[in-house]
Amino acid sequence: MRKLLFVCIENSNRSQMAQAFAIIYGKGNIQAYSAGSKPSGKINPKAIVAMQELSYDLSAHTSKSIDEVKMEAPFDAVVTMGCGDACPWMPAKQHIDWQIPDPRDMAPEQFNEVRDMIGGLVKRLIEQHP
C-alpha cells in the first residue's frame, strides 16, 4: 500500500482536500496523510462545503502538524502545495511541489476551481504511480 503525505501551511484547505481525493481515488490502496507547517487547528468551513458537494465528509478530518505525522515516514511521496521553504523536509521516495494558490479567502466558485485542480493532480499522481 502506497503512503502519500500532502503538506501545506495551515493544513486547513489544500492538503486536506488532497488527502480526501487520495482516499477517494486510491480506492483502499493508498494511505493518505496531510499536515501543515503552521497548522491552523481547524478545517476551513469552505473546504468542508466544497468536499460535501462531492459526497466527502471533510469535517471528520483534523488539522495536524508535521510532527504529528512524522512517525508514518518514510512516505512513497510527499507533495507540498506551494508552501516553499515553509514546508519542512520529510523522508520519502519522491518529493513533488504543486504550486497551488491558497483558496482560503476565495469566493466559492474560485475555491471550487482550486478544489478541482487538486483533484485532477491527485488523480494523475495515483494513475502515474500505481
Protein backbone atom coordinates (compact mmCIF):
# COMPACT_ATOMS: atom_id res chain seq x y z
CA MET A 1 0.00 0.00 0.00
CA ARG A 2 1.40 3.40 -1.01
CA LYS A 3 1.75 6.14 1.59
CA LEU A 4 1.25 9.72 0.47
CA LEU A 5 1.67 12.89 2.52
CA PHE A 6 0.22 16.22 1.39
CA VAL A 7 1.63 19.34 3.07
CA CYS A 8 0.58 22.98 3.03
CA ILE A 9 0.99 25.73 5.59
CA GLU A 10 -2.24 25.65 7.64
CA ASN A 11 -3.47 22.10 6.85
CA SER A 12 -6.96 23.53 6.58
CA ASN A 13 -7.65 23.64 2.82
CA ARG A 14 -5.34 22.36 0.06
CA SER A 15 -3.60 19.45 1.80
CA GLN A 16 -6.86 18.36 3.43
CA MET A 17 -8.65 18.22 0.08
CA ALA A 18 -5.67 16.41 -1.49
CA GLN A 19 -5.79 13.81 1.28
CA ALA A 20 -9.52 13.37 0.67
CA PHE A 21 -9.01 12.94 -3.09
CA ALA A 22 -6.24 10.37 -2.45
CA ILE A 23 -8.67 8.41 -0.28
CA ILE A 24 -11.38 8.68 -2.96
CA TYR A 25 -9.18 7.81 -5.96
CA GLY A 26 -6.94 5.38 -4.08
CA LYS A 27 -9.88 3.03 -3.53
CA GLY A 28 -8.35 1.45 -0.44
CA ASN A 29 -4.86 1.11 -1.95
CA ILE A 30 -3.48 4.41 -0.61
CA GLN A 31 -2.68 5.52 2.91
CA ALA A 32 -3.16 9.28 2.69
CA TYR A 33 -1.99 11.82 5.25
CA SER A 34 -1.95 15.60 5.41
CA ALA A 35 -0.16 18.08 7.63
CA GLY A 36 0.78 21.73 7.89
CA SER A 37 4.00 23.57 8.67
CA LYS A 38 1.94 26.01 10.80
CA PRO A 39 -1.42 24.23 11.26
CA SER A 40 -4.45 26.41 11.95
CA GLY A 41 -6.01 23.78 14.19
CA LYS A 42 -9.22 23.66 12.18
CA ILE A 43 -10.57 22.74 8.76
CA ASN A 44 -11.84 25.71 6.76
CA PRO A 45 -15.66 25.53 6.57
CA LYS A 46 -15.36 26.40 2.85
CA ALA A 47 -13.29 23.25 2.31
CA ILE A 48 -15.86 21.17 4.18
CA VAL A 49 -18.67 22.54 1.96
CA ALA A 50 -16.60 22.12 -1.22
CA MET A 51 -15.94 18.45 -0.46
CA GLN A 52 -19.53 17.82 0.70
CA GLU A 53 -20.54 18.77 -2.85
CA LEU A 54 -18.51 15.70 -3.92
CA SER A 55 -20.05 13.50 -1.18
CA TYR A 56 -16.93 13.52 1.02
CA ASP A 57 -17.14 14.47 4.71
CA LEU A 58 -14.07 16.57 5.44
CA SER A 59 -15.45 17.56 8.85
CA ALA A 60 -14.10 14.26 10.21
CA HIS A 61 -10.52 15.42 9.45
CA THR A 62 -8.31 17.37 11.84
CA SER A 63 -5.65 20.00 11.16
CA LYS A 64 -2.26 18.47 12.06
CA SER A 65 1.37 19.49 12.28
CA ILE A 66 4.26 17.77 10.54
CA ASP A 67 5.34 16.41 13.93
CA GLU A 68 2.01 14.57 14.25
CA VAL A 69 2.59 12.55 11.05
CA LYS A 70 6.40 12.10 11.04
CA MET A 71 6.09 8.70 12.73
CA GLU A 72 4.45 7.46 9.49
CA ALA A 73 7.61 8.23 7.46
CA PRO A 74 9.06 7.25 5.13
CA PHE A 75 6.42 8.07 2.55
CA ASP A 76 6.25 6.99 -1.08
CA ALA A 77 5.63 10.63 -1.99
CA VAL A 78 5.48 13.93 -0.15
CA VAL A 79 3.55 16.57 -2.05
CA THR A 80 3.91 20.19 -1.00
CA MET A 81 1.35 22.71 -2.13
CA GLY A 82 3.23 25.90 -2.80
CA CYS A 83 4.48 26.49 0.74
CA GLY A 84 8.10 26.54 -0.43
CA ASP A 85 10.66 26.83 2.37
CA ALA A 86 7.87 26.81 4.97
CA CYS A 87 7.36 23.09 4.30
CA PRO A 88 9.95 21.02 6.17
CA TRP A 89 11.62 18.02 4.57
CA MET A 90 10.17 14.56 5.26
CA PRO A 91 11.71 11.19 4.27
CA ALA A 92 10.15 10.00 1.01
CA LYS A 93 10.99 8.22 -2.22
CA GLN A 94 9.66 11.19 -4.15
CA HIS A 95 9.20 14.90 -3.38
CA ILE A 96 6.75 16.88 -5.50
CA ASP A 97 5.78 20.56 -5.29
CA TRP A 98 2.48 21.71 -6.72
CA GLN A 99 2.19 25.48 -6.94
CA ILE A 100 -1.44 25.74 -5.86
CA PRO A 101 -2.90 29.08 -4.74
CA ASP A 102 -4.29 29.18 -1.20
CA PRO A 103 -8.08 29.29 -1.66
CA ARG A 104 -8.77 30.32 1.96
CA ASP A 105 -10.17 33.77 1.14
CA MET A 106 -11.60 32.95 -2.31
CA ALA A 107 -15.25 33.10 -3.27
CA PRO A 108 -16.94 29.67 -3.52
CA GLU A 109 -16.65 29.47 -7.32
CA GLN A 110 -12.89 30.15 -7.29
CA PHE A 111 -12.47 27.89 -4.24
CA ASN A 112 -14.09 25.04 -6.18
CA GLU A 113 -11.75 25.68 -9.13
CA VAL A 114 -8.78 25.14 -6.80
CA ARG A 115 -10.52 22.05 -5.34
CA ASP A 116 -10.97 20.61 -8.83
CA MET A 117 -7.34 21.41 -9.75
CA ILE A 118 -6.18 19.50 -6.67
CA GLY A 119 -8.50 16.60 -7.52
CA GLY A 120 -7.06 16.35 -11.03
CA LEU A 121 -3.46 16.45 -9.79
CA VAL A 122 -4.10 13.76 -7.17
CA LYS A 123 -5.85 11.54 -9.71
CA ARG A 124 -2.89 11.85 -12.12
CA LEU A 125 -0.41 11.16 -9.32
CA ILE A 126 -2.20 7.94 -8.39
CA GLU A 127 -2.64 6.83 -12.02
CA GLN A 128 1.02 7.52 -12.91
CA HIS A 129 2.40 5.74 -9.86
CA PRO A 130 0.03 2.88 -9.01
